[in-house]
Structure formats: C-alpha cells, structure tokens
Amino acid sequence: MKIWVPSEAAADVLTDLPDVECVVYDGRGPAPDGADEVEVWIPPLIPVPDIPGLMAAMKRLKLVQTVTAGVEPYRPHLPHGVTLCNARGVHDAGTAEWAVGAMIAVLREFPGFVDAQRRGEWTYHHTGVLADAKVLIVGYGSIGAALERRLEGFEVEVVRVARTAREGVHPMEELEGLLPEADVVVLLVPATSETTGMVDAAFLARMKDGALLVNAARGAVVVTDALVAELDSGRLRAALDVSDPEPLPEGHPLWNAPGVLITPHVAGSTPASTRRSLRLIRSQLLRYLAGEPLNNVITESY
C-alpha cells in the first residue's frame, strides 16, 4: 500500500507497519511519480498546488487524513467513495494558547509598549485587562473547550455559541443578541459556505464599543473591508492569526490599521501540534489497516 506523507517524521512513525510504502511529499516542488498508486494521502500543513488535479490522478485513493482541523481545500474535490478525516484535537492546545496570548497582548497593549521600548520611551499609562471580561466563543468545539479551560484562571465569564444548541451552549440563531454584551469575541468556526463572510459590517456593528475580535478560524469568515473600517474608526480592536487575503500582501490596509495584532497563521504551528499529529497519523493508519472505524471522519454535516 502506497501512502504519501508530509514529512520524514510522519514516515518514521509508520516504518514498522507491514506492506506500507511511505513517500514523502511536502508540497514543495513537483509531485512525486506514482500518484495513481496512492491509497492513503496525508497532505502537508500548507496546501499543495493543484489539489483538484492531484486528487483526480489518485485513482486508488481511499483515505485523505489531513493534519489540519480545516478541510476546505480538499472537501470540494474529494472523489466519490474516498473517506476524509481531519485532525480534530491536534491543534487545540496551540490555538487555545494563542487566543489567550492574543487577548492579553491586545488588552494590555503589549505591541504599543514594544514600540515604545524600541524608541527608548517610558510610556506609563493604564491599560485594559482580561479580568471581569465576557468572552464570547463563536464555534464552540474542541478548540473552544480547550480555550475555556485555559481561561478558567483569568476571572472571566465565558459564553458559548455553536451551530447546534446543547446544554450550556447557545445556537447560532442567538448570536445576534449576544454580541452587544461581549467584551471579547473569539471566532473558532470552520470554513463553510454558511460561515464565509459571517462577520460582516452588521455583525461588527453589533459588537460593543471597545470590544476585541479574535480570529483563530479562517480569514474568509471576516469581511476584511468591514473590519478595516471599524479599526480605522477606533471603535473595535482585533487580533488576527488569519486574514483574507492570506498571506496578507505588502501594503494591505490591515497592516497599518490601528488596534490590530496580526500573526501569520501560526496558532497551531507548535511542537505540541507536531507531536499530536504524528500520534494521530499512526493511530489512524493502525485503524485503517485493521479495518476499524476511523476517528474524525468528515460527513455532510461538517
């Protein structure tokens, strides 16, 4: 059985499996020969060029196991009968940790103090604080739960919203009424046709003055021009690990908008995520070879 894996480390955790041939393809350069023989594909973290063409060439493909929580680059091009699994849980710790750090950095004005340090200026003043804030988590799944655990010591009130209501979690239909009360709004929704552009001018207008928008989801969830307008007015602040477009091009208005902290999609790029992705890859391949049910299977209800 031929498997394409994203790294030598991924190949190493599969070397002892019987009748498995691992070929490393990290997405850089042309794809290896033999795509038509690939039965399992584990794509790299950064999507490879020409996903539709590559998947069409994989005539024997049966399983795509991503190392990301999001599967939007692959799902539209998935051949009939091929199983798609994501890496739910792998990036929970890193993404949740980034979100907490981003909140504190913006609210306590760390970027401004760093700039003052470089200028050699002592700019004493009061700042905001996370304590006593109401944090609205939009897209409460495994990452949202990980974020809430990390917020437990910060004396905040967490409000949870997800597509499906359950005990302690509001449905999306109630989001409009919850936005005006939130001091921090954290976006953790998957990229779908329903979430694309959901944070538009009307959404942002419902947020309270001085509120902080934290996007650890996907850039396309937010209408960039609408966010830039709110930032330029000084009414809202933002912390963004993702953007639309992405990568953010030189000269884009977001770079110099006031009150925004931007990181280059690094929330889940940590040693912890790497370790957990390798454990997931091995456990999924063991299940696959044994004919057992796979974890994290993406269905039509994703």
Protein backbone atom coordinates (compact mmCIF):
# COMPACT_ATOMS: atom_id res chain seq x y z
CA MET A 1 0.00 0.00 0.00
CA LYS A 2 1.42 3.37 -1.00
CA ILE A 3 0.99 6.33 1.34
CA TRP A 4 2.03 9.89 0.69
CA VAL A 5 3.11 11.58 3.93
CA PRO A 6 4.07 15.22 4.57
CA SER A 7 7.40 14.68 6.34
CA GLU A 8 10.15 12.25 7.21
CA ALA A 9 8.86 12.30 10.78
CA ALA A 10 5.48 11.06 9.57
CA ALA A 11 7.18 8.34 7.56
CA ASP A 12 9.23 7.32 10.60
CA VAL A 13 6.14 6.60 12.74
CA LEU A 14 4.82 4.26 10.04
CA THR A 15 8.02 2.38 9.14
CA ASP A 16 7.13 -0.71 11.16
CA LEU A 17 3.72 -1.18 9.55
CA PRO A 18 3.61 -4.22 7.25
CA ASP A 19 3.29 -3.76 3.48
CA VAL A 20 3.28 0.04 3.71
CA GLU A 21 5.38 2.19 1.38
CA CYS A 22 5.71 5.81 2.50
CA VAL A 23 6.62 8.54 0.02
CA VAL A 24 7.35 12.00 1.44
CA TYR A 25 5.68 14.89 -0.37
CA ASP A 26 5.72 18.19 1.48
CA GLY A 27 4.11 20.21 -1.30
CA ARG A 28 7.30 21.91 -2.42
CA GLY A 29 8.24 21.21 -5.99
CA PRO A 30 6.53 18.79 -8.37
CA ALA A 31 4.54 15.89 -7.00
CA PRO A 32 6.30 12.50 -6.96
CA ASP A 33 5.58 9.90 -9.61
CA GLY A 34 3.05 7.22 -8.82
CA ALA A 35 0.05 9.30 -7.76
CA ASP A 36 -2.19 6.71 -9.39
CA GLU A 37 -0.96 4.12 -6.85
CA VAL A 38 -1.61 6.17 -3.70
CA GLU A 39 -4.20 4.64 -1.37
CA VAL A 40 -3.77 6.98 1.60
CA TRP A 41 -2.76 10.63 1.35
CA ILE A 42 -1.70 12.73 4.34
CA PRO A 43 -1.29 16.25 2.93
CA PRO A 44 1.13 18.77 4.46
CA LEU A 45 0.07 21.60 6.72
CA ILE A 46 0.24 24.13 3.87
CA PRO A 47 -1.98 23.00 0.98
CA VAL A 48 -0.13 21.75 -2.10
CA PRO A 49 -0.61 23.30 -5.56
CA ASP A 50 -3.37 21.94 -7.81
CA ILE A 51 -5.26 19.85 -5.28
CA PRO A 52 -8.07 19.07 -7.78
CA GLY A 53 -5.64 17.75 -10.39
CA LEU A 54 -3.65 15.76 -7.88
CA MET A 55 -6.67 14.11 -6.33
CA ALA A 56 -8.08 13.28 -9.75
CA ALA A 57 -4.82 11.48 -10.54
CA MET A 58 -5.07 9.33 -7.40
CA LYS A 59 -7.10 6.55 -8.97
CA ARG A 60 -6.70 4.17 -5.99
CA LEU A 61 -7.22 6.76 -3.27
CA LYS A 62 -9.34 5.59 -0.34
CA LEU A 63 -8.39 7.89 2.56
CA VAL A 64 -7.31 11.50 2.97
CA GLN A 65 -6.13 12.25 6.51
CA THR A 66 -5.35 15.93 6.99
CA VAL A 67 -3.06 17.33 9.68
CA THR A 68 -5.34 20.36 9.96
CA ALA A 69 -8.74 20.83 11.57
CA GLY A 70 -9.98 22.60 8.44
CA VAL A 71 -10.61 20.50 5.32
CA GLU A 72 -11.95 23.14 2.94
CA PRO A 73 -9.10 22.77 0.40
CA TYR A 74 -9.90 19.05 -0.06
CA ARG A 75 -13.58 18.51 0.50
CA PRO A 76 -14.87 20.01 -2.77
CA HIS A 77 -12.52 17.79 -4.80
CA LEU A 78 -12.88 14.53 -2.89
CA PRO A 79 -13.51 11.63 -5.28
CA HIS A 80 -16.62 9.55 -4.69
CA GLY A 81 -16.07 6.85 -2.09
CA VAL A 82 -12.96 8.41 -0.55
CA THR A 83 -13.00 8.95 3.22
CA LEU A 84 -11.87 12.34 4.54
CA CYS A 85 -10.66 12.73 8.14
CA ASN A 86 -9.39 15.86 9.83
CA ALA A 87 -7.03 16.44 12.75
CA ARG A 88 -9.60 17.43 15.33
CA GLY A 89 -7.84 17.83 18.67
CA VAL A 90 -4.31 18.07 17.30
CA HIS A 91 -4.16 21.87 17.32
CA ASP A 92 -6.42 22.53 20.31
CA ALA A 93 -3.62 23.38 22.74
CA GLY A 94 -1.67 25.64 20.40
CA THR A 95 -4.69 27.51 19.08
CA ALA A 96 -6.24 27.99 22.51
CA GLU A 97 -2.91 29.18 23.91
CA TRP A 98 -2.53 31.64 21.02
CA ALA A 99 -6.02 33.01 21.62
CA VAL A 100 -5.34 33.67 25.30
CA GLY A 101 -1.98 35.26 24.50
CA ALA A 102 -3.52 37.42 21.78
CA MET A 103 -6.27 38.65 24.08
CA ILE A 104 -3.79 39.64 26.79
CA ALA A 105 -1.38 41.20 24.29
CA VAL A 106 -4.03 43.49 22.81
CA LEU A 107 -5.90 44.31 26.00
CA ARG A 108 -2.68 45.06 27.91
CA GLU A 109 -1.28 46.93 24.86
CA PHE A 110 1.91 44.90 24.58
CA PRO A 111 2.53 45.83 20.92
CA GLY A 112 2.48 49.54 21.81
CA PHE A 113 4.85 49.02 24.70
CA VAL A 114 7.22 47.07 22.42
CA ASP A 115 7.22 50.00 20.00
CA ALA A 116 7.93 52.38 22.89
CA GLN A 117 10.78 50.15 24.07
CA ARG A 118 12.38 50.33 20.64
CA ARG A 119 12.12 54.12 20.78
CA GLY A 120 13.53 54.16 24.31
CA GLU A 121 10.37 55.78 25.72
CA TRP A 122 8.78 55.14 29.14
CA THR A 123 5.06 55.41 28.25
CA TYR A 124 3.32 54.75 31.56
CA HIS A 125 -0.48 54.57 31.39
CA HIS A 126 -3.37 52.37 32.44
CA THR A 127 -4.40 49.60 30.04
CA GLY A 128 -7.31 47.27 29.60
CA VAL A 129 -7.48 43.90 31.33
CA LEU A 130 -8.92 40.46 30.70
CA ALA A 131 -10.28 40.08 34.24
CA ASP A 132 -14.06 40.57 34.52
CA ALA A 133 -14.50 40.39 30.73
CA LYS A 134 -17.28 38.49 28.99
CA VAL A 135 -15.68 36.24 26.38
CA LEU A 136 -17.97 35.01 23.62
CA ILE A 137 -16.67 31.88 21.87
CA VAL A 138 -18.27 31.53 18.43
CA GLY A 139 -17.82 27.96 17.22
CA TYR A 140 -17.62 26.03 20.48
CA GLY A 141 -15.97 22.71 19.65
CA SER A 142 -12.84 21.01 20.92
CA ILE A 143 -10.71 24.14 20.48
CA GLY A 144 -13.36 26.25 22.20
CA ALA A 145 -13.40 23.83 25.14
CA ALA A 146 -9.59 23.97 25.30
CA LEU A 147 -9.75 27.76 25.29
CA GLU A 148 -12.30 27.79 28.09
CA ARG A 149 -10.07 25.56 30.22
CA ARG A 150 -7.20 27.98 29.77
CA LEU A 151 -9.40 30.95 30.67
CA GLU A 152 -10.55 29.45 33.98
CA GLY A 153 -7.90 31.28 35.99
CA PHE A 154 -8.49 34.68 34.40
CA GLU A 155 -11.78 35.53 36.16
CA VAL A 156 -13.84 35.90 33.00
CA GLU A 157 -17.35 34.89 32.00
CA VAL A 158 -17.42 32.54 29.02
CA VAL A 159 -20.43 32.45 26.71
CA ARG A 160 -20.53 29.56 24.23
CA VAL A 161 -22.12 29.52 20.77
CA ALA A 162 -22.22 26.65 18.30
CA ARG A 163 -24.23 25.59 15.28
CA THR A 164 -26.16 23.10 17.40
CA ALA A 165 -27.58 24.10 20.78
CA ARG A 166 -26.81 21.89 23.75
CA GLU A 167 -26.62 22.32 27.50
CA GLY A 168 -24.67 25.49 28.22
CA VAL A 169 -24.17 26.29 24.53
CA HIS A 170 -26.28 28.79 22.60
CA PRO A 171 -27.30 28.15 18.98
CA MET A 172 -26.08 30.44 16.21
CA GLU A 173 -29.57 31.89 15.97
CA GLU A 174 -28.98 33.64 19.31
CA LEU A 175 -25.61 35.14 18.34
CA GLU A 176 -27.04 38.49 17.24
CA GLY A 177 -28.43 39.12 20.72
CA LEU A 178 -25.25 38.01 22.47
CA LEU A 179 -22.78 40.18 20.56
CA PRO A 180 -23.58 43.55 22.20
CA GLU A 181 -22.70 42.22 25.67
CA ALA A 182 -19.33 40.64 24.79
CA ASP A 183 -16.01 42.29 25.59
CA VAL A 184 -14.09 39.68 23.55
CA VAL A 185 -15.47 37.73 20.57
CA VAL A 186 -13.39 34.69 19.59
CA LEU A 187 -14.01 33.11 16.18
CA LEU A 188 -13.38 29.34 16.02
CA VAL A 189 -15.90 28.32 13.37
CA PRO A 190 -14.95 26.04 10.45
CA ALA A 191 -14.79 27.49 6.96
CA THR A 192 -18.08 26.61 5.27
CA SER A 193 -20.50 28.31 2.90
CA GLU A 194 -22.50 29.36 5.97
CA THR A 195 -19.56 30.93 7.81
CA THR A 196 -17.87 32.66 4.87
CA GLY A 197 -18.39 36.39 5.37
CA MET A 198 -20.48 35.92 8.51
CA VAL A 199 -18.52 38.66 10.32
CA ASP A 200 -19.70 41.48 8.10
CA ALA A 201 -20.43 45.15 8.75
CA ALA A 202 -23.70 44.30 10.51
CA PHE A 203 -22.03 41.72 12.76
CA LEU A 204 -19.26 44.14 13.71
CA ALA A 205 -21.74 46.96 14.29
CA ARG A 206 -23.48 44.83 16.94
CA MET A 207 -20.25 44.49 18.92
CA LYS A 208 -19.91 46.91 21.83
CA ASP A 209 -17.59 49.90 21.65
CA GLY A 210 -14.03 48.91 22.55
CA ALA A 211 -14.64 45.18 22.08
CA LEU A 212 -11.93 42.86 20.80
CA LEU A 213 -12.40 40.49 17.85
CA VAL A 214 -10.09 37.45 17.90
CA ASN A 215 -9.97 35.40 14.69
CA ALA A 216 -8.37 31.98 15.03
CA ALA A 217 -10.71 30.43 12.46
CA ARG A 218 -10.23 31.30 8.79
CA GLY A 219 -9.68 34.67 7.16
CA ALA A 220 -12.73 34.38 4.91
CA VAL A 221 -15.03 34.28 7.95
CA VAL A 222 -14.46 38.05 8.30
CA VAL A 223 -15.24 40.67 5.66
CA THR A 224 -11.88 42.41 5.66
CA ASP A 225 -13.03 45.82 4.40
CA ALA A 226 -15.70 45.98 7.10
CA LEU A 227 -13.15 45.15 9.79
CA VAL A 228 -10.66 47.72 8.49
CA ALA A 229 -13.38 50.37 8.65
CA GLU A 230 -14.11 49.58 12.30
CA LEU A 231 -10.42 49.52 13.20
CA ASP A 232 -9.77 52.82 11.44
CA SER A 233 -12.61 54.40 13.41
CA GLY A 234 -11.03 53.20 16.65
CA ARG A 235 -14.28 51.61 17.81
CA LEU A 236 -13.06 47.99 17.76
CA ARG A 237 -9.76 46.15 18.20
CA ALA A 238 -8.69 42.86 16.68
CA ALA A 239 -6.21 40.00 16.99
CA LEU A 240 -5.86 38.01 13.77
CA ASP A 241 -3.97 34.80 13.11
CA VAL A 242 -5.68 34.51 9.73
CA SER A 243 -6.64 37.02 7.07
CA ASP A 244 -8.43 37.43 3.79
CA PRO A 245 -6.41 37.56 1.58
CA GLU A 246 -3.77 35.24 3.02
CA PRO A 247 -0.86 35.71 3.07
CA LEU A 248 -1.60 39.37 3.67
CA PRO A 249 0.12 41.25 0.83
CA GLU A 250 2.52 44.13 1.28
CA GLY A 251 0.73 47.45 1.54
CA HIS A 252 -2.62 45.99 2.60
CA PRO A 253 -4.62 48.37 4.86
CA LEU A 254 -4.75 45.79 7.66
CA TRP A 255 -1.01 46.05 8.25
CA ASN A 256 -1.26 49.64 9.47
CA ALA A 257 -4.78 49.66 10.88
CA PRO A 258 -4.86 50.88 14.50
CA GLY A 259 -5.62 48.44 17.28
CA VAL A 260 -4.83 45.22 15.43
CA LEU A 261 -2.34 42.44 16.23
CA ILE A 262 -1.51 40.17 13.27
CA THR A 263 0.32 36.85 13.31
CA PRO A 264 0.95 34.77 10.15
CA HIS A 265 -1.37 31.78 10.77
CA VAL A 266 0.89 30.28 13.44
CA ALA A 267 -1.61 29.46 16.20
CA GLY A 268 -1.38 25.72 15.64
CA SER A 269 2.23 25.64 14.46
CA THR A 270 3.86 24.33 17.62
CA PRO A 271 5.90 21.31 18.75
CA ALA A 272 2.84 20.10 20.66
CA SER A 273 0.80 20.07 17.47
CA THR A 274 3.56 18.20 15.64
CA ARG A 275 3.74 15.54 18.34
CA ARG A 276 -0.01 15.11 18.40
CA SER A 277 -0.30 14.98 14.62
CA LEU A 278 2.23 12.14 14.49
CA ARG A 279 0.30 10.22 17.12
CA LEU A 280 -2.91 10.76 15.14
CA ILE A 281 -1.31 9.61 11.87
CA ARG A 282 -0.09 6.40 13.43
CA SER A 283 -3.32 5.62 15.26
CA GLN A 284 -5.43 6.27 12.15
CA LEU A 285 -3.24 4.06 9.96
CA LEU A 286 -3.41 1.26 12.52
CA ARG A 287 -7.19 1.56 12.48
CA TYR A 288 -7.27 1.68 8.70
CA LEU A 289 -5.11 -1.41 8.29
CA ALA A 290 -7.18 -3.30 10.86
CA GLY A 291 -10.44 -2.32 9.17
CA GLU A 292 -11.59 -0.48 12.30
CA PRO A 293 -13.72 2.72 12.30
CA LEU A 294 -11.63 5.84 11.81
CA ASN A 295 -11.71 8.90 14.03
CA ASN A 296 -12.60 12.41 12.87
CA VAL A 297 -14.46 11.33 9.73
CA ILE A 298 -15.89 14.37 7.94
CA THR A 299 -19.51 13.93 6.88
CA GLU A 300 -22.04 16.12 5.12
CA SER A 301 -22.92 17.71 8.46
CA TYR A 302 -19.41 19.19 8.92
